[in-house]
Structure formats: structure tokens, C-alpha cells
C-alpha atoms as a PDB file:
ATOM      1  CA  MET A   1       0.000   0.000   0.000  1.00  0.00           C
ATOM      2  CA  GLU A   2       2.831   2.387   0.836  1.00  0.00           C
ATOM      3  CA  LYS A   3       4.349   1.862  -2.616  1.00  0.00           C
ATOM      4  CA  ILE A   4       1.040   2.731  -4.268  1.00  0.00           C
ATOM      5  CA  LEU A   5       0.636   5.890  -2.198  1.00  0.00           C
ATOM      6  CA  ASN A   6       4.205   6.964  -2.932  1.00  0.00           C
ATOM      7  CA  PHE A   7       3.653   6.359  -6.648  1.00  0.00           C
ATOM      8  CA  LEU A   8       0.418   8.374  -6.653  1.00  0.00           C
ATOM      9  CA  ASN A   9       2.007  11.151  -4.641  1.00  0.00           C
ATOM     10  CA  GLY A  10       4.859  11.374  -7.138  1.00  0.00           C
ATOM     11  CA  LYS A  11       2.559  11.385 -10.166  1.00  0.00           C
ATOM     12  CA  LEU A  12       0.109  13.879  -8.686  1.00  0.00           C
ATOM     13  CA  GLY A  13       3.001  16.125  -7.700  1.00  0.00           C
ATOM     14  CA  GLU A  14       4.249  16.159 -11.301  1.00  0.00           C
ATOM     15  CA  ILE A  15       1.015  17.767 -12.487  1.00  0.00           C
ATOM     16  CA  GLY A  16       1.764  21.038 -10.742  1.00  0.00           C
ATOM     17  CA  LEU A  17      -0.296  23.468  -8.702  1.00  0.00           C
ATOM     18  CA  ASP A  18      -1.274  25.559 -11.739  1.00  0.00           C
ATOM     19  CA  LYS A  19      -3.149  22.683 -13.366  1.00  0.00           C
ATOM     20  CA  TYR A  20      -4.991  21.938 -10.124  1.00  0.00           C
ATOM     21  CA  MET A  21      -6.006  25.600  -9.916  1.00  0.00           C
ATOM     22  CA  HIS A  22      -7.324  25.480 -13.495  1.00  0.00           C
ATOM     23  CA  PHE A  23      -9.230  22.279 -12.674  1.00  0.00           C
ATOM     24  CA  ILE A  24     -10.826  23.859  -9.599  1.00  0.00           C
ATOM     25  CA  GLY A  25     -11.563  27.015 -11.588  1.00  0.00           C
ATOM     26  CA  GLY A  26     -13.337  24.998 -14.280  1.00  0.00           C
ATOM     27  CA  THR A  27     -15.420  23.247 -11.647  1.00  0.00           C
ATOM     28  CA  LEU A  28     -16.376  26.567 -10.061  1.00  0.00           C
ATOM     29  CA  ILE A  29     -17.202  28.186 -13.414  1.00  0.00           C
ATOM     30  CA  PHE A  30     -19.501  25.271 -14.168  1.00  0.00           C
ATOM     31  CA  ALA A  31     -21.093  25.408 -10.700  1.00  0.00           C
ATOM     32  CA  VAL A  32     -21.946  29.091 -11.070  1.00  0.00           C
ATOM     33  CA  SER A  33     -22.937  28.891 -14.741  1.00  0.00           C
ATOM     34  CA  HIS A  34     -25.346  26.003 -14.402  1.00  0.00           C
ATOM     35  CA  PHE A  35     -27.591  28.115 -12.167  1.00  0.00           C
ATOM     36  CA  VAL A  36     -28.369  30.454 -15.059  1.00  0.00           C
ATOM     37  CA  MET A  37     -28.128  28.134 -18.065  1.00  0.00           C
ATOM     38  CA  ALA A  38     -28.573  24.531 -19.105  1.00  0.00           C
ATOM     39  CA  PRO A  39     -25.792  22.166 -17.964  1.00  0.00           C
ATOM     40  CA  MET A  40     -24.512  21.613 -21.509  1.00  0.00           C
ATOM     41  CA  LEU A  41     -24.298  25.373 -22.078  1.00  0.00           C
ATOM     42  CA  ALA A  42     -22.507  25.743 -18.747  1.00  0.00           C
ATOM     43  CA  LEU A  43     -19.958  23.187 -19.934  1.00  0.00           C
ATOM     44  CA  VAL A  44     -19.517  25.139 -23.172  1.00  0.00           C
ATOM     45  CA  ALA A  45     -19.008  28.273 -21.048  1.00  0.00           C
ATOM     46  CA  VAL A  46     -16.195  26.509 -19.184  1.00  0.00           C
ATOM     47  CA  LEU A  47     -14.565  25.519 -22.479  1.00  0.00           C
ATOM     48  CA  VAL A  48     -14.830  29.059 -23.839  1.00  0.00           C
ATOM     49  CA  MET A  49     -13.425  30.557 -20.621  1.00  0.00           C
ATOM     50  CA  GLY A  50     -10.497  28.122 -20.596  1.00  0.00           C
ATOM     51  CA  ILE A  51      -9.606  28.877 -24.212  1.00  0.00           C
ATOM     52  CA  ALA A  52     -10.101  32.629 -23.717  1.00  0.00           C
ATOM     53  CA  LYS A  53      -7.740  32.593 -20.739  1.00  0.00           C
ATOM     54  CA  GLU A  54      -5.021  30.898 -22.772  1.00  0.00           C
ATOM     55  CA  LEU A  55      -5.545  33.313 -25.686  1.00  0.00           C
ATOM     56  CA  TYR A  56      -5.122  36.161 -23.202  1.00  0.00           C
ATOM     57  CA  ASP A  57      -1.946  34.534 -21.880  1.00  0.00           C
ATOM     58  CA  ASN A  58      -0.677  34.180 -25.439  1.00  0.00           C
ATOM     59  CA  ALA A  59      -1.281  37.874 -26.109  1.00  0.00           C
ATOM     60  CA  HIS A  60       0.617  38.820 -22.919  1.00  0.00           C
ATOM     61  CA  LYS A  61       3.614  36.484 -23.033  1.00  0.00           C
ATOM     62  CA  ALA A  62       5.801  38.934 -21.122  1.00  0.00           C
ATOM     63  CA  ILE A  63       3.875  38.226 -17.921  1.00  0.00           C
ATOM     64  CA  HIS A  64       1.914  35.029 -18.721  1.00  0.00           C
ATOM     65  CA  THR A  65       2.756  31.591 -20.085  1.00  0.00           C
ATOM     66  CA  PRO A  66       0.163  30.122 -22.466  1.00  0.00           C
ATOM     67  CA  ASP A  67      -0.334  26.367 -22.212  1.00  0.00           C
ATOM     68  CA  TYR A  68      -3.014  24.288 -23.900  1.00  0.00           C
ATOM     69  CA  LYS A  69      -2.842  21.910 -20.924  1.00  0.00           C
ATOM     70  CA  ASP A  70      -4.247  24.714 -18.761  1.00  0.00           C
ATOM     71  CA  ALA A  71      -7.306  24.950 -21.013  1.00  0.00           C
ATOM     72  CA  LEU A  72      -7.614  21.168 -20.863  1.00  0.00           C
ATOM     73  CA  ALA A  73      -7.440  21.180 -17.053  1.00  0.00           C
ATOM     74  CA  THR A  74     -10.089  23.927 -16.904  1.00  0.00           C
ATOM     75  CA  THR A  75     -12.358  21.933 -19.221  1.00  0.00           C
ATOM     76  CA  LEU A  76     -11.860  18.724 -17.232  1.00  0.00           C
ATOM     77  CA  GLY A  77     -12.919  20.602 -14.109  1.00  0.00           C
ATOM     78  CA  GLY A  78     -16.102  21.583 -15.935  1.00  0.00           C
ATOM     79  CA  VAL A  79     -16.628  17.984 -16.977  1.00  0.00           C
ATOM     80  CA  LEU A  80     -16.393  16.943 -13.330  1.00  0.00           C
ATOM     81  CA  GLY A  81     -19.039  19.521 -12.458  1.00  0.00           C
ATOM     82  CA  PHE A  82     -21.223  18.295 -15.311  1.00  0.00           C
ATOM     83  CA  ILE A  83     -20.953  14.673 -14.149  1.00  0.00           C
ATOM     84  CA  CYS A  84     -21.648  15.590 -10.514  1.00  0.00           C
ATOM     85  CA  GLY A  85     -24.670  17.617 -11.589  1.00  0.00           C
ATOM     86  CA  MET A  86     -26.299  14.714 -13.411  1.00  0.00           C
END
């Protein structure tokens, strides 16, 4: 069991705090959005927000680092919200 936990801890640590923050952000965007729109539209809103954030980062490379994986993490957070809301 200890080997499994150490393995998971190492793999989860490799992801990085930024991706976790994007994931949580996507979940929160979905949670707020689904109160005012259909769940599928709320999921689309999460996708649009994740892509928009990375486009903003791309336009401001001096102070931000664009990464498609951030948009993916944001979207996956929205997917979690969508699944939990079913």
C-alpha cells in the first residue's frame, strides 16, 4: 500500500499546482454557470473561458505563459461539475 501511495504522490506532484487551480476554476465556473443556463451550455461556457484565458496569456507572453494543458485542465474541471450535476 505504501508503494502505491508513494507512486500516486509522485505522479500527482508532477502535475503542478497551476493545473490543479485550473481544474478547480473549471469546476467553479460550471457550478456558477449552471444556475443560469442549461448544464450543456454551462460546460460550453467553461470551455470558452479556458480557451479565452489561454488566448489572453498568449497575447501577454511577457507576464503570462500560455499552455493548452491549462485549457484542458479547466475543461476537465467543468466535466467533473457536469458529471456531478447529473
